[in-house]
Amino acid sequence: MQQPEGPFCQSCGMPLARDEKGGGSNVDGSTSTQYCSHCYEQGHFTLPDLTLAQMMEAVRGRLQGVQAHAEAIDGMVAGIVQLERWRDSSI
């Protein structure tokens, strides 16, 4: 699996280039350059109560569904803790 280029969603890590909407939406309707459309709409997280552990499991499941290599999955999931949304969170 080829490593996609950023920028990446600062909630789930998805490359924004792969977002079918080009990114989430801000309150003013503009496209977010920080979050994808799956995580962020109209200036708010789509799942505001989601925990870091839940996001990690969701991303793992999605990557397994597209048959990514186990090592790549582990690396991408481990990197979620460094994303803006989760920097001050604990698992």
Protein backbone atom coordinates (compact mmCIF):
# COMPACT_ATOMS: atom_id res chain seq x y z
CA MET A 1 0.00 0.00 0.00
CA GLN A 2 1.47 3.32 -1.07
CA GLN A 3 1.78 5.97 1.64
CA PRO A 4 -0.72 8.72 0.77
CA GLU A 5 0.31 12.36 0.83
CA GLY A 6 -1.07 14.90 3.30
CA PRO A 7 -2.51 17.02 4.58
CA PHE A 8 -4.30 14.58 6.85
CA CYS A 9 -7.49 14.91 8.88
CA GLN A 10 -6.48 15.96 12.38
CA SER A 11 -9.13 13.66 13.86
CA CYS A 12 -8.90 10.34 11.98
CA GLY A 13 -5.72 10.71 9.90
CA MET A 14 -7.37 10.25 6.51
CA PRO A 15 -5.64 12.09 3.68
CA LEU A 16 -7.87 15.04 2.84
CA ALA A 17 -7.17 14.37 -0.85
CA ARG A 18 -9.17 11.14 -0.47
CA ASP A 19 -12.17 12.88 1.08
CA GLU A 20 -14.98 12.86 -1.49
CA LYS A 21 -16.05 16.33 -0.28
CA GLY A 22 -12.51 17.71 -0.09
CA GLY A 23 -12.73 18.23 3.67
CA GLY A 24 -15.23 18.93 6.40
CA SER A 25 -17.19 22.15 6.64
CA ASN A 26 -16.67 25.12 8.92
CA VAL A 27 -19.50 27.11 10.54
CA ASP A 28 -19.42 29.63 7.67
CA GLY A 29 -19.74 26.83 5.08
CA SER A 30 -16.14 27.00 3.92
CA THR A 31 -14.14 23.80 3.56
CA SER A 32 -12.06 22.80 6.57
CA THR A 33 -8.37 22.37 5.80
CA GLN A 34 -7.90 20.52 9.09
CA TYR A 35 -10.66 17.89 9.27
CA CYS A 36 -12.39 15.52 6.83
CA SER A 37 -16.10 15.49 6.08
CA HIS A 38 -16.56 12.24 8.04
CA CYS A 39 -15.28 13.86 11.24
CA TYR A 40 -16.34 17.49 10.94
CA GLU A 41 -19.47 19.23 9.65
CA GLN A 42 -20.69 22.81 10.07
CA GLY A 43 -17.89 23.59 12.50
CA HIS A 44 -18.50 20.65 14.84
CA PHE A 45 -17.25 17.10 15.20
CA THR A 46 -19.79 14.62 13.84
CA LEU A 47 -19.18 12.38 16.85
CA PRO A 48 -18.25 14.81 19.64
CA ASP A 49 -18.27 12.17 22.39
CA LEU A 50 -16.00 9.75 20.52
CA THR A 51 -12.99 8.72 22.59
CA LEU A 52 -9.45 8.30 21.36
CA ALA A 53 -9.71 4.53 21.84
CA GLN A 54 -12.93 4.41 19.82
CA MET A 55 -11.34 6.40 16.99
CA MET A 56 -8.35 4.08 16.97
CA GLU A 57 -10.62 1.04 16.68
CA ALA A 58 -12.72 2.67 13.94
CA VAL A 59 -9.62 3.52 11.90
CA ARG A 60 -8.21 0.02 12.43
CA GLY A 61 -11.46 -1.50 11.18
CA ARG A 62 -11.60 0.77 8.13
CA LEU A 63 -8.01 -0.01 7.17
CA GLN A 64 -8.56 -3.73 7.64
CA GLY A 65 -11.60 -3.40 5.39
CA VAL A 66 -9.43 -2.07 2.57
CA GLN A 67 -6.91 -4.85 3.25
CA ALA A 68 -4.02 -2.64 4.30
CA HIS A 69 -0.92 -4.42 5.59
CA ALA A 70 -0.89 -5.09 9.34
CA GLU A 71 2.31 -3.09 9.87
CA ALA A 72 0.86 -0.09 8.01
CA ILE A 73 -2.35 -0.32 10.05
CA ASP A 74 -0.43 -0.42 13.33
CA GLY A 75 1.62 2.63 12.30
CA MET A 76 -1.38 4.67 11.20
CA VAL A 77 -3.38 3.81 14.30
CA ALA A 78 -0.44 4.64 16.56
CA GLY A 79 -0.10 8.01 14.83
CA ILE A 80 -3.64 9.08 15.73
CA VAL A 81 -2.52 10.20 19.20
CA GLN A 82 -0.38 12.88 17.56
CA LEU A 83 -3.28 14.45 15.65
CA GLU A 84 -4.61 17.81 16.81
CA ARG A 85 -7.93 16.50 18.14
CA TRP A 86 -6.28 13.92 20.40
CA ARG A 87 -3.06 15.56 21.59
CA ASP A 88 -4.36 16.18 25.09
CA SER A 89 -6.44 12.99 25.32
CA SER A 90 -5.75 9.73 27.02
CA ILE A 91 -6.87 6.35 25.81
